[in-house]
């Protein structure tokens, strides 16, 4: 994680959740029988709010890192 993100991630940890935007960009085409479609552009933006579990139930994986089960 980049050092400039540490302050924001610390604030997210204090609140108990982190807000993410999952982005998916790509091209899709499909086939039905012998017909093959043209290419369609796919753009997805999905907000996700992930709550942290209890620090007592997490698994310590480093000096300053805790792994949570979601």
C-alpha atoms as a PDB file:
ATOM      1  CA  UNK A   1       0.000   0.000   0.000  1.00  0.00           C
ATOM      2  CA  UNK A   2       1.331   3.405  -0.932  1.00  0.00           C
ATOM      3  CA  UNK A   3       2.388   5.558   2.056  1.00  0.00           C
ATOM      4  CA  UNK A   4      -0.028   8.371   1.137  1.00  0.00           C
ATOM      5  CA  UNK A   5      -2.962   5.949   1.597  1.00  0.00           C
ATOM      6  CA  UNK A   6      -2.030   5.034   5.174  1.00  0.00           C
ATOM      7  CA  UNK A   7      -3.859   7.977   6.790  1.00  0.00           C
ATOM      8  CA  UNK A   8      -7.118   7.214   4.969  1.00  0.00           C
ATOM      9  CA  UNK A   9      -6.837   3.495   5.687  1.00  0.00           C
ATOM     10  CA  UNK A  10      -6.235   4.259   9.368  1.00  0.00           C
ATOM     11  CA  UNK A  11      -9.404   6.363   9.404  1.00  0.00           C
ATOM     12  CA  UNK A  12     -11.327   3.546   7.693  1.00  0.00           C
ATOM     13  CA  UNK A  13     -10.036   1.105  10.300  1.00  0.00           C
ATOM     14  CA  UNK A  14     -11.152   3.423  13.116  1.00  0.00           C
ATOM     15  CA  UNK A  15     -14.643   3.640  11.570  1.00  0.00           C
ATOM     16  CA  UNK A  16     -14.752  -0.144  11.111  1.00  0.00           C
ATOM     17  CA  UNK A  17     -15.342  -0.321   7.376  1.00  0.00           C
ATOM     18  CA  UNK A  18     -13.686   0.552   4.101  1.00  0.00           C
ATOM     19  CA  UNK A  19     -15.444   1.934   1.028  1.00  0.00           C
ATOM     20  CA  UNK A  20     -14.253   0.560  -2.299  1.00  0.00           C
ATOM     21  CA  UNK A  21     -15.332   1.072  -5.878  1.00  0.00           C
ATOM     22  CA  UNK A  22     -14.963  -2.093  -7.934  1.00  0.00           C
ATOM     23  CA  UNK A  23     -14.365  -1.236 -11.584  1.00  0.00           C
ATOM     24  CA  UNK A  24     -14.628  -3.623 -14.516  1.00  0.00           C
ATOM     25  CA  UNK A  25     -13.902  -2.476 -18.066  1.00  0.00           C
ATOM     26  CA  UNK A  26     -13.766  -4.761 -21.041  1.00  0.00           C
ATOM     27  CA  UNK A  27     -15.239  -6.017 -24.274  1.00  0.00           C
ATOM     28  CA  UNK A  28     -17.729  -8.856 -24.557  1.00  0.00           C
ATOM     29  CA  UNK A  29     -19.070 -10.878 -27.436  1.00  0.00           C
ATOM     30  CA  UNK A  30     -21.227 -13.958 -27.481  1.00  0.00           C
ATOM     31  CA  UNK A  31     -21.924 -16.954 -29.659  1.00  0.00           C
ATOM     32  CA  UNK A  32     -25.298 -18.586 -30.308  1.00  0.00           C
ATOM     33  CA  UNK A  33     -24.980 -21.577 -32.606  1.00  0.00           C
ATOM     34  CA  UNK A  34     -22.944 -20.383 -35.568  1.00  0.00           C
ATOM     35  CA  UNK A  35     -23.783 -16.688 -34.992  1.00  0.00           C
ATOM     36  CA  UNK A  36     -21.016 -14.655 -33.353  1.00  0.00           C
ATOM     37  CA  UNK A  37     -21.996 -11.192 -32.186  1.00  0.00           C
ATOM     38  CA  UNK A  38     -20.001  -8.022 -32.567  1.00  0.00           C
ATOM     39  CA  UNK A  39     -18.001  -6.693 -29.661  1.00  0.00           C
ATOM     40  CA  UNK A  40     -19.846  -4.836 -26.930  1.00  0.00           C
ATOM     41  CA  UNK A  41     -18.157  -2.591 -24.426  1.00  0.00           C
ATOM     42  CA  UNK A  42     -18.694  -3.490 -20.761  1.00  0.00           C
ATOM     43  CA  UNK A  43     -18.283  -0.831 -18.050  1.00  0.00           C
ATOM     44  CA  UNK A  44     -19.214  -1.664 -14.466  1.00  0.00           C
ATOM     45  CA  UNK A  45     -18.834   0.547 -11.388  1.00  0.00           C
ATOM     46  CA  UNK A  46     -19.987  -1.051  -8.158  1.00  0.00           C
ATOM     47  CA  UNK A  47     -19.607   0.568  -4.719  1.00  0.00           C
ATOM     48  CA  UNK A  48     -18.771  -1.886  -1.942  1.00  0.00           C
ATOM     49  CA  UNK A  49     -18.662  -1.196   1.797  1.00  0.00           C
ATOM     50  CA  UNK A  50     -16.652  -3.880   3.574  1.00  0.00           C
ATOM     51  CA  UNK A  51     -16.857  -4.032   7.347  1.00  0.00           C
ATOM     52  CA  UNK A  52     -13.872  -5.112   9.374  1.00  0.00           C
ATOM     53  CA  UNK A  53     -14.307  -7.938  11.816  1.00  0.00           C
ATOM     54  CA  UNK A  54     -13.249  -7.758  15.428  1.00  0.00           C
ATOM     55  CA  UNK A  55      -9.504  -7.348  15.848  1.00  0.00           C
ATOM     56  CA  UNK A  56      -9.651 -10.223  18.340  1.00  0.00           C
ATOM     57  CA  UNK A  57     -11.033 -12.606  15.702  1.00  0.00           C
ATOM     58  CA  UNK A  58      -8.546 -11.537  12.999  1.00  0.00           C
ATOM     59  CA  UNK A  59      -5.300 -13.325  12.191  1.00  0.00           C
ATOM     60  CA  UNK A  60      -2.068 -11.333  12.499  1.00  0.00           C
ATOM     61  CA  UNK A  61      -0.085 -11.736   9.274  1.00  0.00           C
ATOM     62  CA  UNK A  62       2.652  -9.131   9.731  1.00  0.00           C
ATOM     63  CA  UNK A  63       4.025  -6.370  11.912  1.00  0.00           C
ATOM     64  CA  UNK A  64       1.068  -4.075  11.289  1.00  0.00           C
ATOM     65  CA  UNK A  65      -1.354  -6.270   9.327  1.00  0.00           C
ATOM     66  CA  UNK A  66      -4.427  -8.236  10.350  1.00  0.00           C
ATOM     67  CA  UNK A  67      -6.301 -10.614   8.053  1.00  0.00           C
ATOM     68  CA  UNK A  68     -10.085 -10.703   8.480  1.00  0.00           C
ATOM     69  CA  UNK A  69     -12.557 -13.305   7.313  1.00  0.00           C
ATOM     70  CA  UNK A  70     -15.388 -11.748   5.304  1.00  0.00           C
END
